[in-house]
Amino acid sequence: MPRDNEQKEANENEIISDRAVWSAIHYLDPESETDRRKSDIAAAITVLAIICMYGVIIVYLHQM
């Protein structure tokens, strides 16, 4: 039994929180955050463009 307890304690000590992992990633690759922001901005612009096109189509169809 002591061997199982030692293994369980070792596994519990190896657990790393998500916050620690993300802070390590940002420390090692500070540009990852700017890449994420750029992709978020691109996604927002794409969504707005689709909404505008949809609105133009609705207006065009109502005028017919």
C-alpha atoms as a PDB file:
ATOM      1  CA  MET A   1       0.000   0.000   0.000  1.00  0.00           C
ATOM      2  CA  PRO A   2       2.703   2.575   0.662  1.00  0.00           C
ATOM      3  CA  ARG A   3       3.742   2.375  -2.974  1.00  0.00           C
ATOM      4  CA  ASP A   4       0.206   3.322  -4.126  1.00  0.00           C
ATOM      5  CA  ASN A   5       0.141   6.277  -1.747  1.00  0.00           C
ATOM      6  CA  GLU A   6       3.533   7.489  -3.004  1.00  0.00           C
ATOM      7  CA  GLN A   7       2.361   7.254  -6.598  1.00  0.00           C
ATOM      8  CA  LYS A   8      -0.860   9.102  -5.780  1.00  0.00           C
ATOM      9  CA  GLU A   9       1.088  11.890  -4.058  1.00  0.00           C
ATOM     10  CA  ALA A  10       3.440  12.166  -7.035  1.00  0.00           C
ATOM     11  CA  ASN A  11       0.492  12.466  -9.435  1.00  0.00           C
ATOM     12  CA  GLU A  12      -1.138  15.146  -7.300  1.00  0.00           C
ATOM     13  CA  ASN A  13       2.112  17.132  -7.192  1.00  0.00           C
ATOM     14  CA  GLU A  14       2.419  17.025 -10.989  1.00  0.00           C
ATOM     15  CA  ILE A  15      -0.929  18.716 -11.562  1.00  0.00           C
ATOM     16  CA  ILE A  16      -0.376  22.230 -12.885  1.00  0.00           C
ATOM     17  CA  SER A  17      -3.107  24.839 -12.938  1.00  0.00           C
ATOM     18  CA  ASP A  18      -4.328  26.287 -16.228  1.00  0.00           C
ATOM     19  CA  ARG A  19      -3.291  29.749 -15.085  1.00  0.00           C
ATOM     20  CA  ALA A  20       0.308  28.586 -14.562  1.00  0.00           C
ATOM     21  CA  VAL A  21       0.383  26.977 -18.004  1.00  0.00           C
ATOM     22  CA  TRP A  22      -0.977  30.092 -19.752  1.00  0.00           C
ATOM     23  CA  SER A  23       1.400  32.378 -17.888  1.00  0.00           C
ATOM     24  CA  ALA A  24       4.310  30.174 -18.981  1.00  0.00           C
ATOM     25  CA  ILE A  25       3.094  30.256 -22.575  1.00  0.00           C
ATOM     26  CA  HIS A  26       2.778  34.053 -22.528  1.00  0.00           C
ATOM     27  CA  TYR A  27       6.224  34.343 -20.939  1.00  0.00           C
ATOM     28  CA  LEU A  28       7.830  32.100 -23.559  1.00  0.00           C
ATOM     29  CA  ASP A  29       5.889  33.480 -26.540  1.00  0.00           C
ATOM     30  CA  PRO A  30       4.688  37.043 -25.893  1.00  0.00           C
ATOM     31  CA  GLU A  31       3.567  37.410 -29.523  1.00  0.00           C
ATOM     32  CA  SER A  32       0.888  34.734 -29.089  1.00  0.00           C
ATOM     33  CA  GLU A  33      -1.401  37.288 -27.438  1.00  0.00           C
ATOM     34  CA  THR A  34      -1.044  39.769 -30.287  1.00  0.00           C
ATOM     35  CA  ASP A  35      -1.727  37.013 -32.822  1.00  0.00           C
ATOM     36  CA  ARG A  36      -4.891  36.140 -30.942  1.00  0.00           C
ATOM     37  CA  ARG A  37      -6.015  39.777 -30.944  1.00  0.00           C
ATOM     38  CA  LYS A  38      -5.396  40.079 -34.663  1.00  0.00           C
ATOM     39  CA  SER A  39      -7.474  37.002 -35.352  1.00  0.00           C
ATOM     40  CA  ASP A  40     -10.253  38.299 -33.061  1.00  0.00           C
ATOM     41  CA  ILE A  41     -10.313  41.600 -34.951  1.00  0.00           C
ATOM     42  CA  ALA A  42     -10.399  39.777 -38.293  1.00  0.00           C
ATOM     43  CA  ALA A  43     -13.274  37.600 -37.095  1.00  0.00           C
ATOM     44  CA  ALA A  44     -15.232  40.640 -35.897  1.00  0.00           C
ATOM     45  CA  ILE A  45     -14.730  42.427 -39.222  1.00  0.00           C
ATOM     46  CA  THR A  46     -15.861  39.313 -41.094  1.00  0.00           C
ATOM     47  CA  VAL A  47     -19.016  38.996 -39.004  1.00  0.00           C
ATOM     48  CA  LEU A  48     -19.843  42.674 -39.490  1.00  0.00           C
ATOM     49  CA  ALA A  49     -19.311  42.362 -43.253  1.00  0.00           C
ATOM     50  CA  ILE A  50     -21.678  39.383 -43.416  1.00  0.00           C
ATOM     51  CA  ILE A  51     -24.313  41.256 -41.397  1.00  0.00           C
ATOM     52  CA  CYS A  52     -23.992  44.290 -43.710  1.00  0.00           C
ATOM     53  CA  MET A  53     -24.345  42.137 -46.827  1.00  0.00           C
ATOM     54  CA  TYR A  54     -27.384  40.437 -45.324  1.00  0.00           C
ATOM     55  CA  GLY A  55     -28.912  43.831 -44.564  1.00  0.00           C
ATOM     56  CA  VAL A  56     -28.279  45.093 -48.106  1.00  0.00           C
ATOM     57  CA  ILE A  57     -29.937  41.974 -49.542  1.00  0.00           C
ATOM     58  CA  ILE A  58     -32.989  42.436 -47.283  1.00  0.00           C
ATOM     59  CA  VAL A  59     -33.320  46.106 -48.278  1.00  0.00           C
ATOM     60  CA  TYR A  60     -32.925  45.215 -51.963  1.00  0.00           C
ATOM     61  CA  LEU A  61     -35.591  42.507 -51.773  1.00  0.00           C
ATOM     62  CA  HIS A  62     -38.056  44.849 -50.006  1.00  0.00           C
ATOM     63  CA  GLN A  63     -37.684  47.444 -52.757  1.00  0.00           C
ATOM     64  CA  MET A  64     -38.658  44.980 -55.484  1.00  0.00           C
END
